[in-house]
Structure formats: structure tokens, C-alpha cells
């Protein structure tokens, strides 16, 4: 007898690309861990980690993530 899954996900993971831009102001950097949830017409992703250490000021930081397809984006 084979084990049976208790839940089945019908949504495939899709790639997301997030661009985080910070100002050139001296106080625009940040420390700490940052995470997001992406919301759409088909639901919401799990909590996704953006950066465990923060972001430097005056920088562009691109984060590539894979998560559930939420359809058309409504908010982040």
C-alpha cells in the first residue's frame, strides 16, 4: 500500500523577480531580515525571504524567487 498525500497543490511554482532600490541618502540603508508575500487573483504566496542581512544605501538589489502562481498581481 502506497502512502497517500493529504493535500494536493494544483498551482505550479513560477519565477518572480523583485527589484529593491534604496535612496542615496545616508540613512537609506537597512539592516535585518526582509521578507514579502505576493498577493494575486489566485491567492497568496508563502512568506518569501528577500534578504537576510539588509540592503545598502544607494543600491539596486534584484532578487529572483520561485513561488506559487498567484495569477494577476494585486499587492505585495
PDB file of N, CA and C in Angstrom:
ATOM      1  N   UNK A   1       0.842  -1.173   0.000  1.00  0.00           N
ATOM      2  CA  UNK A   1       0.000   0.000   0.000  1.00  0.00           C
ATOM      3  C   UNK A   1       0.893   1.244   0.000  1.00  0.00           C
ATOM      4  N   UNK A   2       0.694   2.119  -0.962  1.00  0.00           N
ATOM      5  CA  UNK A   2       1.496   3.333  -1.087  1.00  0.00           C
ATOM      6  C   UNK A   2       0.938   4.436  -0.193  1.00  0.00           C
ATOM      7  N   UNK A   3       1.815   5.320   0.317  1.00  0.00           N
ATOM      8  CA  UNK A   3       1.313   6.460   1.112  1.00  0.00           C
ATOM      9  C   UNK A   3       0.494   7.400   0.237  1.00  0.00           C
ATOM     10  N   UNK A   4      -0.464   8.045   0.852  1.00  0.00           N
ATOM     11  CA  UNK A   4      -1.354   8.967   0.144  1.00  0.00           C
ATOM     12  C   UNK A   4      -1.111  10.379   0.669  1.00  0.00           C
ATOM     13  N   UNK A   5      -0.964  11.337  -0.256  1.00  0.00           N
ATOM     14  CA  UNK A   5      -0.762  12.738   0.144  1.00  0.00           C
ATOM     15  C   UNK A   5      -2.053  13.289   0.725  1.00  0.00           C
ATOM     16  N   UNK A   6      -1.929  14.043   1.814  1.00  0.00           N
ATOM     17  CA  UNK A   6      -3.118  14.613   2.443  1.00  0.00           C
ATOM     18  C   UNK A   6      -3.619  15.854   1.712  1.00  0.00           C
ATOM     19  N   UNK A   7      -2.717  16.558   1.008  1.00  0.00           N
ATOM     20  CA  UNK A   7      -3.120  17.728   0.227  1.00  0.00           C
ATOM     21  C   UNK A   7      -2.445  17.675  -1.132  1.00  0.00           C
ATOM     22  N   UNK A   8      -3.053  18.322  -2.078  1.00  0.00           N
ATOM     23  CA  UNK A   8      -2.506  18.372  -3.424  1.00  0.00           C
ATOM     24  C   UNK A   8      -2.544  19.806  -3.909  1.00  0.00           C
ATOM     25  N   UNK A   9      -1.394  20.315  -4.308  1.00  0.00           N
ATOM     26  CA  UNK A   9      -1.316  21.672  -4.831  1.00  0.00           C
ATOM     27  C   UNK A   9      -1.500  21.622  -6.347  1.00  0.00           C
ATOM     28  N   UNK A  10      -2.444  22.395  -6.852  1.00  0.00           N
ATOM     29  CA  UNK A  10      -2.681  22.416  -8.294  1.00  0.00           C
ATOM     30  C   UNK A  10      -1.994  23.601  -8.958  1.00  0.00           C
ATOM     31  N   UNK A  11      -1.293  24.417  -8.185  1.00  0.00           N
ATOM     32  CA  UNK A  11      -0.599  25.578  -8.718  1.00  0.00           C
ATOM     33  C   UNK A  11       0.890  25.273  -8.822  1.00  0.00           C
ATOM     34  N   UNK A  12       1.481  25.550  -9.959  1.00  0.00           N
ATOM     35  CA  UNK A  12       2.910  25.331 -10.158  1.00  0.00           C
ATOM     36  C   UNK A  12       3.684  26.552  -9.675  1.00  0.00           C
ATOM     37  N   UNK A  13       4.925  26.317  -9.256  1.00  0.00           N
ATOM     38  CA  UNK A  13       5.799  27.437  -8.905  1.00  0.00           C
ATOM     39  C   UNK A  13       6.204  28.173 -10.170  1.00  0.00           C
ATOM     40  N   UNK A  14       6.244  29.484 -10.082  1.00  0.00           N
ATOM     41  CA  UNK A  14       6.655  30.320 -11.203  1.00  0.00           C
ATOM     42  C   UNK A  14       7.747  31.262 -10.715  1.00  0.00           C
ATOM     43  N   UNK A  15       8.579  31.776 -11.624  1.00  0.00           N
ATOM     44  CA  UNK A  15       9.639  32.709 -11.202  1.00  0.00           C
ATOM     45  C   UNK A  15       9.085  34.125 -10.992  1.00  0.00           C
ATOM     46  N   UNK A  16       9.574  34.774  -9.965  1.00  0.00           N
ATOM     47  CA  UNK A  16       9.286  36.185  -9.701  1.00  0.00           C
ATOM     48  C   UNK A  16      10.623  36.899  -9.609  1.00  0.00           C
ATOM     49  N   UNK A  17      10.673  38.134 -10.074  1.00  0.00           N
ATOM     50  CA  UNK A  17      11.870  38.949  -9.970  1.00  0.00           C
ATOM     51  C   UNK A  17      11.488  40.252  -9.271  1.00  0.00           C
ATOM     52  N   UNK A  18      12.124  40.519  -8.155  1.00  0.00           N
ATOM     53  CA  UNK A  18      11.833  41.702  -7.342  1.00  0.00           C
ATOM     54  C   UNK A  18      13.045  42.626  -7.392  1.00  0.00           C
ATOM     55  N   UNK A  19      12.832  43.895  -7.645  1.00  0.00           N
ATOM     56  CA  UNK A  19      13.908  44.882  -7.627  1.00  0.00           C
ATOM     57  C   UNK A  19      13.705  45.790  -6.414  1.00  0.00           C
ATOM     58  N   UNK A  20      14.690  45.786  -5.525  1.00  0.00           N
ATOM     59  CA  UNK A  20      14.667  46.644  -4.338  1.00  0.00           C
ATOM     60  C   UNK A  20      15.650  47.775  -4.590  1.00  0.00           C
ATOM     61  N   UNK A  21      15.156  49.019  -4.571  1.00  0.00           N
ATOM     62  CA  UNK A  21      16.008  50.196  -4.790  1.00  0.00           C
ATOM     63  C   UNK A  21      16.027  51.019  -3.509  1.00  0.00           C
ATOM     64  N   UNK A  22      17.221  51.445  -3.129  1.00  0.00           N
ATOM     65  CA  UNK A  22      17.340  52.311  -1.965  1.00  0.00           C
ATOM     66  C   UNK A  22      17.886  53.671  -2.389  1.00  0.00           C
ATOM     67  N   UNK A  23      17.595  54.668  -1.603  1.00  0.00           N
ATOM     68  CA  UNK A  23      18.000  56.050  -1.885  1.00  0.00           C
ATOM     69  C   UNK A  23      19.493  56.233  -1.637  1.00  0.00           C
ATOM     70  N   UNK A  24      20.024  57.353  -2.141  1.00  0.00           N
ATOM     71  CA  UNK A  24      21.428  57.667  -1.885  1.00  0.00           C
ATOM     72  C   UNK A  24      21.607  58.424  -0.575  1.00  0.00           C
ATOM     73  N   UNK A  25      20.520  58.642   0.155  1.00  0.00           N
ATOM     74  CA  UNK A  25      20.600  59.296   1.452  1.00  0.00           C
ATOM     75  C   UNK A  25      21.424  58.439   2.425  1.00  0.00           C
ATOM     76  N   UNK A  26      22.138  59.088   3.335  1.00  0.00           N
ATOM     77  CA  UNK A  26      22.967  58.362   4.304  1.00  0.00           C
ATOM     78  C   UNK A  26      22.159  57.384   5.147  1.00  0.00           C
ATOM     79  N   UNK A  27      20.887  57.674   5.388  1.00  0.00           N
ATOM     80  CA  UNK A  27      20.054  56.839   6.247  1.00  0.00           C
ATOM     81  C   UNK A  27      19.178  55.865   5.462  1.00  0.00           C
ATOM     82  N   UNK A  28      19.448  55.672   4.180  1.00  0.00           N
ATOM     83  CA  UNK A  28      18.588  54.829   3.350  1.00  0.00           C
ATOM     84  C   UNK A  28      18.923  53.347   3.438  1.00  0.00           C
ATOM     85  N   UNK A  29      20.056  52.988   4.014  1.00  0.00           N
ATOM     86  CA  UNK A  29      20.404  51.581   4.165  1.00  0.00           C
ATOM     87  C   UNK A  29      19.532  50.943   5.239  1.00  0.00           C
ATOM     88  N   UNK A  30      19.543  49.626   5.274  1.00  0.00           N
ATOM     89  CA  UNK A  30      18.746  48.928   6.269  1.00  0.00           C
ATOM     90  C   UNK A  30      19.464  47.667   6.706  1.00  0.00           C
ATOM     91  N   UNK A  31      19.200  47.245   7.923  1.00  0.00           N
ATOM     92  CA  UNK A  31      19.766  46.004   8.432  1.00  0.00           C
ATOM     93  C   UNK A  31      18.625  45.115   8.898  1.00  0.00           C
ATOM     94  N   UNK A  32      18.899  43.838   8.995  1.00  0.00           N
ATOM     95  CA  UNK A  32      17.878  42.893   9.437  1.00  0.00           C
ATOM     96  C   UNK A  32      17.386  42.053   8.282  1.00  0.00           C
ATOM     97  N   UNK A  33      16.476  41.167   8.574  1.00  0.00           N
ATOM     98  CA  UNK A  33      15.916  40.293   7.560  1.00  0.00           C
ATOM     99  C   UNK A  33      14.640  40.881   6.973  1.00  0.00           C
ATOM    100  N   UNK A  34      14.458  40.718   5.671  1.00  0.00           N
ATOM    101  CA  UNK A  34      13.282  41.236   4.996  1.00  0.00           C
ATOM    102  C   UNK A  34      12.601  40.113   4.232  1.00  0.00           C
ATOM    103  N   UNK A  35      11.290  40.090   4.295  1.00  0.00           N
ATOM    104  CA  UNK A  35      10.518  39.081   3.568  1.00  0.00           C
ATOM    105  C   UNK A  35       9.239  39.708   3.052  1.00  0.00           C
ATOM    106  N   UNK A  36       8.620  39.038   2.063  1.00  0.00           N
ATOM    107  CA  UNK A  36       7.391  39.547   1.457  1.00  0.00           C
ATOM    108  C   UNK A  36       6.412  38.410   1.232  1.00  0.00           C
ATOM    109  N   UNK A  37       5.170  38.782   1.013  1.00  0.00           N
ATOM    110  CA  UNK A  37       4.147  37.893   0.479  1.00  0.00           C
ATOM    111  C   UNK A  37       3.618  38.553  -0.772  1.00  0.00           C
ATOM    112  N   UNK A  38       3.403  37.774  -1.816  1.00  0.00           N
ATOM    113  CA  UNK A  38       2.871  38.298  -3.070  1.00  0.00           C
ATOM    114  C   UNK A  38       1.418  37.856  -3.177  1.00  0.00           C
ATOM    115  N   UNK A  39       0.512  38.808  -3.383  1.00  0.00           N
ATOM    116  CA  UNK A  39      -0.924  38.538  -3.462  1.00  0.00           C
ATOM    117  C   UNK A  39      -1.406  38.691  -4.897  1.00  0.00           C
ATOM    118  N   UNK A  40      -2.350  37.862  -5.281  1.00  0.00           N
ATOM    119  CA  UNK A  40      -2.902  37.949  -6.623  1.00  0.00           C
ATOM    120  C   UNK A  40      -4.318  37.408  -6.672  1.00  0.00           C
ATOM    121  N   UNK A  41      -4.857  37.345  -7.865  1.00  0.00           N
ATOM    122  CA  UNK A  41      -6.239  36.902  -8.057  1.00  0.00           C
ATOM    123  C   UNK A  41      -6.439  35.420  -7.741  1.00  0.00           C
ATOM    124  N   UNK A  42      -5.347  34.644  -7.656  1.00  0.00           N
ATOM    125  CA  UNK A  42      -5.452  33.216  -7.348  1.00  0.00           C
ATOM    126  C   UNK A  42      -4.965  32.861  -5.948  1.00  0.00           C
ATOM    127  N   UNK A  43      -4.669  33.858  -5.121  1.00  0.00           N
ATOM    128  CA  UNK A  43      -4.234  33.571  -3.760  1.00  0.00           C
ATOM    129  C   UNK A  43      -2.986  34.342  -3.369  1.00  0.00           C
ATOM    130  N   UNK A  44      -2.237  33.762  -2.437  1.00  0.00           N
ATOM    131  CA  UNK A  44      -1.058  34.427  -1.885  1.00  0.00           C
ATOM    132  C   UNK A  44       0.084  33.412  -1.774  1.00  0.00           C
ATOM    133  N   UNK A  45       1.313  33.890  -1.937  1.00  0.00           N
ATOM    134  CA  UNK A  45       2.484  33.022  -1.786  1.00  0.00           C
ATOM    135  C   UNK A  45       2.753  32.780  -0.311  1.00  0.00           C
ATOM    136  N   UNK A  46       3.629  31.841  -0.033  1.00  0.00           N
ATOM    137  CA  UNK A  46       4.166  31.696   1.324  1.00  0.00           C
ATOM    138  C   UNK A  46       5.054  32.920   1.578  1.00  0.00           C
ATOM    139  N   UNK A  47       5.506  33.118   2.777  1.00  0.00           N
ATOM    140  CA  UNK A  47       6.409  34.220   3.078  1.00  0.00           C
ATOM    141  C   UNK A  47       7.756  33.941   2.419  1.00  0.00           C
ATOM    142  N   UNK A  48       8.217  34.896   1.607  1.00  0.00           N
ATOM    143  CA  UNK A  48       9.436  34.737   0.812  1.00  0.00           C
ATOM    144  C   UNK A  48      10.524  35.657   1.353  1.00  0.00           C
ATOM    145  N   UNK A  49      11.716  35.110   1.584  1.00  0.00           N
ATOM    146  CA  UNK A  49      12.833  35.894   2.109  1.00  0.00           C
ATOM    147  C   UNK A  49      13.467  36.715   0.994  1.00  0.00           C
ATOM    148  N   UNK A  50      13.634  38.022   1.237  1.00  0.00           N
ATOM    149  CA  UNK A  50      14.306  38.905   0.282  1.00  0.00           C
ATOM    150  C   UNK A  50      15.784  39.033   0.590  1.00  0.00           C
ATOM    151  N   UNK A  51      16.101  39.279   1.841  1.00  0.00           N
ATOM    152  CA  UNK A  51      17.497  39.490   2.224  1.00  0.00           C
ATOM    153  C   UNK A  51      17.652  39.201   3.708  1.00  0.00           C
ATOM    154  N   UNK A  52      18.536  38.291   4.076  1.00  0.00           N
ATOM    155  CA  UNK A  52      18.736  38.019   5.499  1.00  0.00           C
ATOM    156  C   UNK A  52      19.552  39.101   6.207  1.00  0.00           C
ATOM    157  N   UNK A  53      20.295  39.939   5.451  1.00  0.00           N
ATOM    158  CA  UNK A  53      21.184  40.908   6.093  1.00  0.00           C
ATOM    159  C   UNK A  53      20.868  42.359   5.843  1.00  0.00           C
ATOM    160  N   UNK A  54      19.840  42.660   5.059  1.00  0.00           N
ATOM    161  CA  UNK A  54      19.501  44.048   4.794  1.00  0.00           C
ATOM    162  C   UNK A  54      19.968  44.525   3.439  1.00  0.00           C
ATOM    163  N   UNK A  55      19.890  45.850   3.238  1.00  0.00           N
ATOM    164  CA  UNK A  55      20.234  46.464   1.961  1.00  0.00           C
ATOM    165  C   UNK A  55      21.100  47.691   2.207  1.00  0.00           C
ATOM    166  N   UNK A  56      22.092  47.897   1.345  1.00  0.00           N
ATOM    167  CA  UNK A  56      22.951  49.078   1.444  1.00  0.00           C
ATOM    168  C   UNK A  56      22.232  50.280   0.835  1.00  0.00           C
ATOM    169  N   UNK A  57      22.604  51.485   1.281  1.00  0.00           N
ATOM    170  CA  UNK A  57      22.018  52.676   0.671  1.00  0.00           C
ATOM    171  C   UNK A  57      22.567  52.851  -0.744  1.00  0.00           C
ATOM    172  N   UNK A  58      21.828  53.560  -1.580  1.00  0.00           N
ATOM    173  CA  UNK A  58      22.191  53.856  -2.964  1.00  0.00           C
ATOM    174  C   UNK A  58      22.513  52.585  -3.754  1.00  0.00           C
ATOM    175  N   UNK A  59      21.595  51.616  -3.703  1.00  0.00           N
ATOM    176  CA  UNK A  59      21.849  50.369  -4.427  1.00  0.00           C
ATOM    177  C   UNK A  59      20.564  49.824  -5.048  1.00  0.00           C
ATOM    178  N   UNK A  60      20.750  49.011  -6.057  1.00  0.00           N
ATOM    179  CA  UNK A  60      19.675  48.227  -6.663  1.00  0.00           C
ATOM    180  C   UNK A  60      19.978  46.775  -6.345  1.00  0.00           C
ATOM    181  N   UNK A  61      19.015  46.082  -5.820  1.00  0.00           N
ATOM    182  CA  UNK A  61      19.212  44.690  -5.438  1.00  0.00           C
ATOM    183  C   UNK A  61      18.097  43.869  -6.076  1.00  0.00           C
ATOM    184  N   UNK A  62      18.448  42.992  -7.027  1.00  0.00           N
ATOM    185  CA  UNK A  62      17.454  42.154  -7.694  1.00  0.00           C
ATOM    186  C   UNK A  62      17.420  40.786  -7.020  1.00  0.00           C
ATOM    187  N   UNK A  63      16.212  40.351  -6.671  1.00  0.00           N
ATOM    188  CA  UNK A  63      16.015  39.065  -6.011  1.00  0.00           C
ATOM    189  C   UNK A  63      15.157  38.195  -6.924  1.00  0.00           C
ATOM    190  N   UNK A  64      15.642  37.001  -7.228  1.00  0.00           N
ATOM    191  CA  UNK A  64      14.867  36.043  -8.019  1.00  0.00           C
ATOM    192  C   UNK A  64      14.303  34.993  -7.079  1.00  0.00           C
ATOM    193  N   UNK A  65      12.991  34.772  -7.160  1.00  0.00           N
ATOM    194  CA  UNK A  65      12.292  33.838  -6.280  1.00  0.00           C
ATOM    195  C   UNK A  65      11.430  32.896  -7.093  1.00  0.00           C
ATOM    196  N   UNK A  66      11.154  31.738  -6.550  1.00  0.00           N
ATOM    197  CA  UNK A  66      10.185  30.825  -7.144  1.00  0.00           C
ATOM    198  C   UNK A  66       9.109  30.588  -6.105  1.00  0.00           C
ATOM    199  N   UNK A  67       7.859  30.751  -6.503  1.00  0.00           N
ATOM    200  CA  UNK A  67       6.750  30.568  -5.584  1.00  0.00           C
ATOM    201  C   UNK A  67       5.477  30.263  -6.363  1.00  0.00           C
ATOM    202  N   UNK A  68       4.444  29.983  -5.629  1.00  0.00           N
ATOM    203  CA  UNK A  68       3.141  29.662  -6.204  1.00  0.00           C
ATOM    204  C   UNK A  68       2.678  30.749  -7.184  1.00  0.00           C
ATOM    205  N   UNK A  69       2.056  30.324  -8.266  1.00  0.00           N
ATOM    206  CA  UNK A  69       1.464  31.263  -9.221  1.00  0.00           C
ATOM    207  C   UNK A  69       0.224  31.865  -8.588  1.00  0.00           C
ATOM    208  N   UNK A  70       0.231  33.167  -8.381  1.00  0.00           N
ATOM    209  CA  UNK A  70      -0.903  33.843  -7.747  1.00  0.00           C
ATOM    210  C   UNK A  70      -1.786  34.555  -8.764  1.00  0.00           C
ATOM    211  N   UNK A  71      -1.552  34.322 -10.035  1.00  0.00           N
ATOM    212  CA  UNK A  71      -2.350  34.980 -11.071  1.00  0.00           C
ATOM    213  C   UNK A  71      -1.935  36.428 -11.242  1.00  0.00           C
ATOM    214  N   UNK A  72      -2.903  37.260 -11.559  1.00  0.00           N
ATOM    215  CA  UNK A  72      -2.625  38.693 -11.743  1.00  0.00           C
ATOM    216  C   UNK A  72      -2.322  39.312 -10.385  1.00  0.00           C
ATOM    217  N   UNK A  73      -1.183  40.008 -10.283  1.00  0.00           N
ATOM    218  CA  UNK A  73      -0.764  40.586  -9.004  1.00  0.00           C
ATOM    219  C   UNK A  73      -1.712  41.686  -8.555  1.00  0.00           C
ATOM    220  N   UNK A  74      -1.990  41.704  -7.254  1.00  0.00           N
ATOM    221  CA  UNK A  74      -2.841  42.742  -6.693  1.00  0.00           C
ATOM    222  C   UNK A  74      -2.113  43.582  -5.643  1.00  0.00           C
ATOM    223  N   UNK A  75      -1.172  42.963  -4.931  1.00  0.00           N
ATOM    224  CA  UNK A  75      -0.356  43.723  -3.957  1.00  0.00           C
ATOM    225  C   UNK A  75       0.820  42.859  -3.515  1.00  0.00           C
ATOM    226  N   UNK A  76       1.805  43.534  -2.898  1.00  0.00           N
ATOM    227  CA  UNK A  76       2.975  42.854  -2.339  1.00  0.00           C
ATOM    228  C   UNK A  76       3.124  43.297  -0.892  1.00  0.00           C
TER     229      UNK A  76
END
